[in-house]
Amino acid sequence: MKEDTRNTIINTASELFYNKGYNLTGINEIIEEAGIAKATLYSHFKSKEALCLAYLDSRDKELLRRIEEFCNSKSKGNARLVAVLEFLLPFFQQDNFNGCWCIRTLAEIPKDNELIKAKIKTNKLQFLNFINQLVEENKPKLSSKKQDTLAKRIYLLYEGAVAESHLQSEDWPIVESIKFLKSHL
């Protein structure tokens, strides 16, 4: 029961933070939307910042789970590497697509909020590590230096495609990133 309540709070905050923004979402709104008492929220999270950290962690774990599943559904080799970018098309087509939750949150926090910034860096590093592992598995003949470079390039294509598709409200940045990667593998 306690875990269900915690998940309800995280899910509610996640939707609000992602759709409205971290700064525009108040604790009272989260409490009302989740249908809980203020004491219940604070028994699970000592602050809005702590809830934000749980939000970032929850979103990123779900992203990694879904993208890994998507990539593994493709044939081994280049198809799995391109799948990192192809994954973005259905993500973009969701009604509530609002870009990258990490970058949105980073843009809203004060520069001196090292706790949230560190969490975002950790999450981005985990994603880069996932891509590195994918490259190692699907391009084993490349030197480790070339594998690392390719993983970083795929990562940058992904991040750029997310940001630009959000800004442009169109999928062409994703489509062009896919075409570019295919032509350079």
C-alpha atoms as a PDB file:
ATOM      1  CA  MET A   1       0.000   0.000   0.000  1.00  0.00           C
ATOM      2  CA  LYS A   2       2.780   2.443   0.955  1.00  0.00           C
ATOM      3  CA  GLU A   3       4.640   1.670  -2.290  1.00  0.00           C
ATOM      4  CA  ASP A   4       1.420   2.196  -4.294  1.00  0.00           C
ATOM      5  CA  THR A   5       0.967   5.622  -2.704  1.00  0.00           C
ATOM      6  CA  ARG A   6       4.583   6.530  -3.421  1.00  0.00           C
ATOM      7  CA  ASN A   7       4.168   5.471  -7.064  1.00  0.00           C
ATOM      8  CA  THR A   8       0.935   7.455  -7.358  1.00  0.00           C
ATOM      9  CA  ILE A   9       2.737  10.550  -6.094  1.00  0.00           C
ATOM     10  CA  ILE A  10       5.653  10.045  -8.495  1.00  0.00           C
ATOM     11  CA  ASN A  11       3.349   9.366 -11.453  1.00  0.00           C
ATOM     12  CA  THR A  12       1.219  12.417 -10.699  1.00  0.00           C
ATOM     13  CA  ALA A  13       4.252  14.665 -10.244  1.00  0.00           C
ATOM     14  CA  SER A  14       5.811  13.223 -13.404  1.00  0.00           C
ATOM     15  CA  GLU A  15       2.824  14.141 -15.541  1.00  0.00           C
ATOM     16  CA  LEU A  16       2.609  17.626 -14.057  1.00  0.00           C
ATOM     17  CA  PHE A  17       6.347  18.366 -14.146  1.00  0.00           C
ATOM     18  CA  TYR A  18       6.646  17.110 -17.725  1.00  0.00           C
ATOM     19  CA  ASN A  19       3.560  18.869 -19.068  1.00  0.00           C
ATOM     20  CA  LYS A  20       3.555  22.102 -17.051  1.00  0.00           C
ATOM     21  CA  GLY A  21       7.153  22.380 -15.930  1.00  0.00           C
ATOM     22  CA  TYR A  22       8.866  21.951 -12.589  1.00  0.00           C
ATOM     23  CA  ASN A  23       8.538  25.576 -11.500  1.00  0.00           C
ATOM     24  CA  LEU A  24       4.898  25.936 -12.544  1.00  0.00           C
ATOM     25  CA  THR A  25       3.819  22.832 -10.644  1.00  0.00           C
ATOM     26  CA  GLY A  26       3.068  23.422  -6.998  1.00  0.00           C
ATOM     27  CA  ILE A  27       3.036  20.889  -4.185  1.00  0.00           C
ATOM     28  CA  ASN A  28      -0.648  21.609  -3.524  1.00  0.00           C
ATOM     29  CA  GLU A  29      -1.484  20.776  -7.140  1.00  0.00           C
ATOM     30  CA  ILE A  30       0.353  17.448  -6.865  1.00  0.00           C
ATOM     31  CA  ILE A  31      -1.490  16.687  -3.618  1.00  0.00           C
ATOM     32  CA  GLU A  32      -4.854  17.509  -5.177  1.00  0.00           C
ATOM     33  CA  GLU A  33      -4.219  15.559  -8.395  1.00  0.00           C
ATOM     34  CA  ALA A  34      -2.907  12.536  -6.484  1.00  0.00           C
ATOM     35  CA  GLY A  35      -5.831  12.644  -4.077  1.00  0.00           C
ATOM     36  CA  ILE A  36      -3.649  12.508  -0.984  1.00  0.00           C
ATOM     37  CA  ALA A  37      -3.058  14.548   2.154  1.00  0.00           C
ATOM     38  CA  LYS A  38      -0.086  16.898   2.480  1.00  0.00           C
ATOM     39  CA  ALA A  39       1.266  14.769   5.332  1.00  0.00           C
ATOM     40  CA  THR A  40       1.166  11.726   3.050  1.00  0.00           C
ATOM     41  CA  LEU A  41       3.281  13.475   0.428  1.00  0.00           C
ATOM     42  CA  TYR A  42       5.805  14.618   2.995  1.00  0.00           C
ATOM     43  CA  SER A  43       5.983  11.170   4.578  1.00  0.00           C
ATOM     44  CA  HIS A  44       7.301   9.921   1.211  1.00  0.00           C
ATOM     45  CA  PHE A  45       9.280  12.962   0.024  1.00  0.00           C
ATOM     46  CA  LYS A  46      10.865  15.540   2.288  1.00  0.00           C
ATOM     47  CA  SER A  47      10.747  18.265  -0.381  1.00  0.00           C
ATOM     48  CA  LYS A  48       9.734  19.147  -3.916  1.00  0.00           C
ATOM     49  CA  GLU A  49      13.383  18.666  -4.859  1.00  0.00           C
ATOM     50  CA  ALA A  50      13.307  15.079  -3.517  1.00  0.00           C
ATOM     51  CA  LEU A  51      10.163  14.453  -5.547  1.00  0.00           C
ATOM     52  CA  CYS A  52      11.883  15.894  -8.619  1.00  0.00           C
ATOM     53  CA  LEU A  53      14.778  13.477  -8.161  1.00  0.00           C
ATOM     54  CA  ALA A  54      12.306  10.574  -7.989  1.00  0.00           C
ATOM     55  CA  TYR A  55      10.565  11.915 -11.120  1.00  0.00           C
ATOM     56  CA  LEU A  56      13.821  12.086 -13.073  1.00  0.00           C
ATOM     57  CA  ASP A  57      14.818   8.615 -11.916  1.00  0.00           C
ATOM     58  CA  SER A  58      11.432   7.105 -12.739  1.00  0.00           C
ATOM     59  CA  ARG A  59      11.265   8.649 -16.225  1.00  0.00           C
ATOM     60  CA  ASP A  60      14.799   7.605 -17.084  1.00  0.00           C
ATOM     61  CA  LYS A  61      14.403   4.032 -15.863  1.00  0.00           C
ATOM     62  CA  GLU A  62      11.264   3.716 -17.974  1.00  0.00           C
ATOM     63  CA  LEU A  63      13.041   5.239 -20.992  1.00  0.00           C
ATOM     64  CA  LEU A  64      15.980   2.841 -20.690  1.00  0.00           C
ATOM     65  CA  ARG A  65      13.649  -0.135 -20.295  1.00  0.00           C
ATOM     66  CA  ARG A  66      11.565   0.845 -23.330  1.00  0.00           C
ATOM     67  CA  ILE A  67      14.454   1.798 -25.612  1.00  0.00           C
ATOM     68  CA  GLU A  68      16.370  -1.369 -24.744  1.00  0.00           C
ATOM     69  CA  GLU A  69      13.293  -3.452 -25.524  1.00  0.00           C
ATOM     70  CA  PHE A  70      12.801  -1.542 -28.805  1.00  0.00           C
ATOM     71  CA  CYS A  71      16.435  -1.903 -29.894  1.00  0.00           C
ATOM     72  CA  ASN A  72      16.546  -5.596 -28.984  1.00  0.00           C
ATOM     73  CA  SER A  73      13.488  -6.206 -31.178  1.00  0.00           C
ATOM     74  CA  LYS A  74      15.620  -5.314 -34.227  1.00  0.00           C
ATOM     75  CA  SER A  75      18.142  -7.483 -36.050  1.00  0.00           C
ATOM     76  CA  LYS A  76      21.672  -7.428 -34.662  1.00  0.00           C
ATOM     77  CA  GLY A  77      24.095  -5.011 -36.278  1.00  0.00           C
ATOM     78  CA  ASN A  78      23.403  -1.581 -37.705  1.00  0.00           C
ATOM     79  CA  ALA A  79      19.614  -1.958 -37.301  1.00  0.00           C
ATOM     80  CA  ARG A  80      19.967  -1.940 -33.521  1.00  0.00           C
ATOM     81  CA  LEU A  81      22.075   1.201 -33.598  1.00  0.00           C
ATOM     82  CA  VAL A  82      19.637   3.008 -35.879  1.00  0.00           C
ATOM     83  CA  ALA A  83      16.814   1.830 -33.611  1.00  0.00           C
ATOM     84  CA  VAL A  84      18.059   4.251 -30.928  1.00  0.00           C
ATOM     85  CA  LEU A  85      16.883   7.070 -33.195  1.00  0.00           C
ATOM     86  CA  GLU A  86      13.884   5.244 -34.666  1.00  0.00           C
ATOM     87  CA  PHE A  87      12.596   4.893 -31.112  1.00  0.00           C
ATOM     88  CA  LEU A  88      12.035   8.655 -31.139  1.00  0.00           C
ATOM     89  CA  LEU A  89       9.336   8.579 -33.819  1.00  0.00           C
ATOM     90  CA  PRO A  90       6.606   6.964 -31.688  1.00  0.00           C
ATOM     91  CA  PHE A  91       7.867   8.983 -28.690  1.00  0.00           C
ATOM     92  CA  PHE A  92       7.428  12.211 -30.693  1.00  0.00           C
ATOM     93  CA  GLN A  93       3.986  11.153 -31.923  1.00  0.00           C
ATOM     94  CA  GLN A  94       2.582  10.879 -28.390  1.00  0.00           C
ATOM     95  CA  ASP A  95      -0.020  13.547 -27.652  1.00  0.00           C
ATOM     96  CA  ASN A  96       1.946  14.851 -24.697  1.00  0.00           C
ATOM     97  CA  PHE A  97       5.433  14.944 -26.293  1.00  0.00           C
ATOM     98  CA  ASN A  98       7.233  17.800 -24.616  1.00  0.00           C
ATOM     99  CA  GLY A  99      10.880  17.092 -25.337  1.00  0.00           C
ATOM    100  CA  CYS A 100      13.456  15.808 -22.874  1.00  0.00           C
ATOM    101  CA  TRP A 101      12.341  15.937 -19.233  1.00  0.00           C
ATOM    102  CA  CYS A 102      15.935  16.191 -18.056  1.00  0.00           C
ATOM    103  CA  ILE A 103      16.769  19.206 -20.202  1.00  0.00           C
ATOM    104  CA  ARG A 104      13.430  20.862 -19.377  1.00  0.00           C
ATOM    105  CA  THR A 105      14.123  20.440 -15.668  1.00  0.00           C
ATOM    106  CA  LEU A 106      17.730  21.578 -15.991  1.00  0.00           C
ATOM    107  CA  ALA A 107      16.538  24.780 -17.687  1.00  0.00           C
ATOM    108  CA  GLU A 108      14.237  25.524 -14.744  1.00  0.00           C
ATOM    109  CA  ILE A 109      16.501  24.937 -11.761  1.00  0.00           C
ATOM    110  CA  PRO A 110      18.953  27.474 -10.363  1.00  0.00           C
ATOM    111  CA  LYS A 111      22.550  26.988 -11.524  1.00  0.00           C
ATOM    112  CA  ASP A 112      23.634  26.171  -7.995  1.00  0.00           C
ATOM    113  CA  ASN A 113      21.231  23.229  -7.582  1.00  0.00           C
ATOM    114  CA  GLU A 114      23.966  20.629  -7.790  1.00  0.00           C
ATOM    115  CA  LEU A 115      21.749  17.789  -6.547  1.00  0.00           C
ATOM    116  CA  ILE A 116      19.299  17.863  -9.455  1.00  0.00           C
ATOM    117  CA  LYS A 117      22.072  18.693 -11.932  1.00  0.00           C
ATOM    118  CA  ALA A 118      24.078  15.674 -10.713  1.00  0.00           C
ATOM    119  CA  LYS A 119      21.013  13.422 -11.085  1.00  0.00           C
ATOM    120  CA  ILE A 120      20.497  14.609 -14.664  1.00  0.00           C
ATOM    121  CA  LYS A 121      24.190  14.055 -15.469  1.00  0.00           C
ATOM    122  CA  THR A 122      23.985  10.556 -13.986  1.00  0.00           C
ATOM    123  CA  ASN A 123      20.875   9.751 -16.017  1.00  0.00           C
ATOM    124  CA  LYS A 124      22.428  11.050 -19.235  1.00  0.00           C
ATOM    125  CA  LEU A 125      25.590   9.047 -18.524  1.00  0.00           C
ATOM    126  CA  GLN A 126      23.495   5.887 -18.022  1.00  0.00           C
ATOM    127  CA  PHE A 127      21.900   6.491 -21.410  1.00  0.00           C
ATOM    128  CA  LEU A 128      25.297   7.031 -23.032  1.00  0.00           C
ATOM    129  CA  ASN A 129      26.534   3.827 -21.362  1.00  0.00           C
ATOM    130  CA  PHE A 130      23.539   1.982 -22.810  1.00  0.00           C
ATOM    131  CA  ILE A 131      24.453   3.252 -26.294  1.00  0.00           C
ATOM    132  CA  ASN A 132      28.108   2.323 -25.705  1.00  0.00           C
ATOM    133  CA  GLN A 133      27.077  -1.216 -24.802  1.00  0.00           C
ATOM    134  CA  LEU A 134      24.861  -1.389 -27.878  1.00  0.00           C
ATOM    135  CA  VAL A 135      27.747  -0.261 -30.095  1.00  0.00           C
ATOM    136  CA  GLU A 136      30.131  -2.783 -28.509  1.00  0.00           C
ATOM    137  CA  GLU A 137      27.647  -5.611 -29.120  1.00  0.00           C
ATOM    138  CA  ASN A 138      26.812  -4.598 -32.673  1.00  0.00           C
ATOM    139  CA  LYS A 139      30.139  -3.246 -33.929  1.00  0.00           C
ATOM    140  CA  PRO A 140      32.638  -5.617 -32.249  1.00  0.00           C
ATOM    141  CA  LYS A 141      35.253  -5.212 -34.990  1.00  0.00           C
ATOM    142  CA  LEU A 142      35.702  -1.504 -34.278  1.00  0.00           C
ATOM    143  CA  SER A 143      38.458  -0.468 -31.888  1.00  0.00           C
ATOM    144  CA  SER A 144      37.233   0.601 -28.459  1.00  0.00           C
ATOM    145  CA  LYS A 145      38.131   4.212 -29.292  1.00  0.00           C
ATOM    146  CA  LYS A 146      36.012   4.096 -32.472  1.00  0.00           C
ATOM    147  CA  GLN A 147      33.187   2.393 -30.567  1.00  0.00           C
ATOM    148  CA  ASP A 148      33.261   5.170 -27.985  1.00  0.00           C
ATOM    149  CA  THR A 149      33.242   7.859 -30.691  1.00  0.00           C
ATOM    150  CA  LEU A 150      30.320   6.220 -32.495  1.00  0.00           C
ATOM    151  CA  ALA A 151      28.331   5.918 -29.259  1.00  0.00           C
ATOM    152  CA  LYS A 152      28.875   9.605 -28.491  1.00  0.00           C
ATOM    153  CA  ARG A 153      27.778  10.583 -31.983  1.00  0.00           C
ATOM    154  CA  ILE A 154      24.602   8.499 -31.736  1.00  0.00           C
ATOM    155  CA  TYR A 155      23.958  10.067 -28.336  1.00  0.00           C
ATOM    156  CA  LEU A 156      24.350  13.589 -29.765  1.00  0.00           C
ATOM    157  CA  LEU A 157      22.113  12.767 -32.740  1.00  0.00           C
ATOM    158  CA  TYR A 158      19.471  11.486 -30.308  1.00  0.00           C
ATOM    159  CA  GLU A 159      19.673  14.511 -28.022  1.00  0.00           C
ATOM    160  CA  GLY A 160      19.619  16.952 -30.939  1.00  0.00           C
ATOM    161  CA  ALA A 161      16.689  15.179 -32.562  1.00  0.00           C
ATOM    162  CA  VAL A 162      14.675  15.309 -29.328  1.00  0.00           C
ATOM    163  CA  ALA A 163      15.376  19.007 -28.786  1.00  0.00           C
ATOM    164  CA  GLU A 164      14.747  20.081 -32.366  1.00  0.00           C
ATOM    165  CA  SER A 165      11.632  17.970 -32.893  1.00  0.00           C
ATOM    166  CA  HIS A 166      10.231  19.582 -29.740  1.00  0.00           C
ATOM    167  CA  LEU A 167      11.173  23.074 -30.910  1.00  0.00           C
ATOM    168  CA  GLN A 168       9.959  22.567 -34.483  1.00  0.00           C
ATOM    169  CA  SER A 169       6.883  20.509 -33.500  1.00  0.00           C
ATOM    170  CA  GLU A 170       7.753  18.285 -36.439  1.00  0.00           C
ATOM    171  CA  ASP A 171       9.464  14.940 -36.868  1.00  0.00           C
ATOM    172  CA  TRP A 172      11.954  15.972 -39.565  1.00  0.00           C
ATOM    173  CA  PRO A 173      14.871  16.307 -37.087  1.00  0.00           C
ATOM    174  CA  ILE A 174      14.350  12.679 -36.097  1.00  0.00           C
ATOM    175  CA  VAL A 175      13.939  11.507 -39.687  1.00  0.00           C
ATOM    176  CA  GLU A 176      17.071  13.366 -40.802  1.00  0.00           C
ATOM    177  CA  SER A 177      19.072  12.003 -37.864  1.00  0.00           C
ATOM    178  CA  ILE A 178      18.038   8.475 -38.831  1.00  0.00           C
ATOM    179  CA  LYS A 179      19.035   9.052 -42.453  1.00  0.00           C
ATOM    180  CA  PHE A 180      22.380  10.534 -41.403  1.00  0.00           C
ATOM    181  CA  LEU A 181      23.212   7.642 -39.085  1.00  0.00           C
ATOM    182  CA  LYS A 182      22.230   5.037 -41.690  1.00  0.00           C
ATOM    183  CA  SER A 183      24.480   6.681 -44.272  1.00  0.00           C
ATOM    184  CA  HIS A 184      27.448   6.785 -41.877  1.00  0.00           C
ATOM    185  CA  LEU A 185      27.396   3.267 -40.427  1.00  0.00           C
END
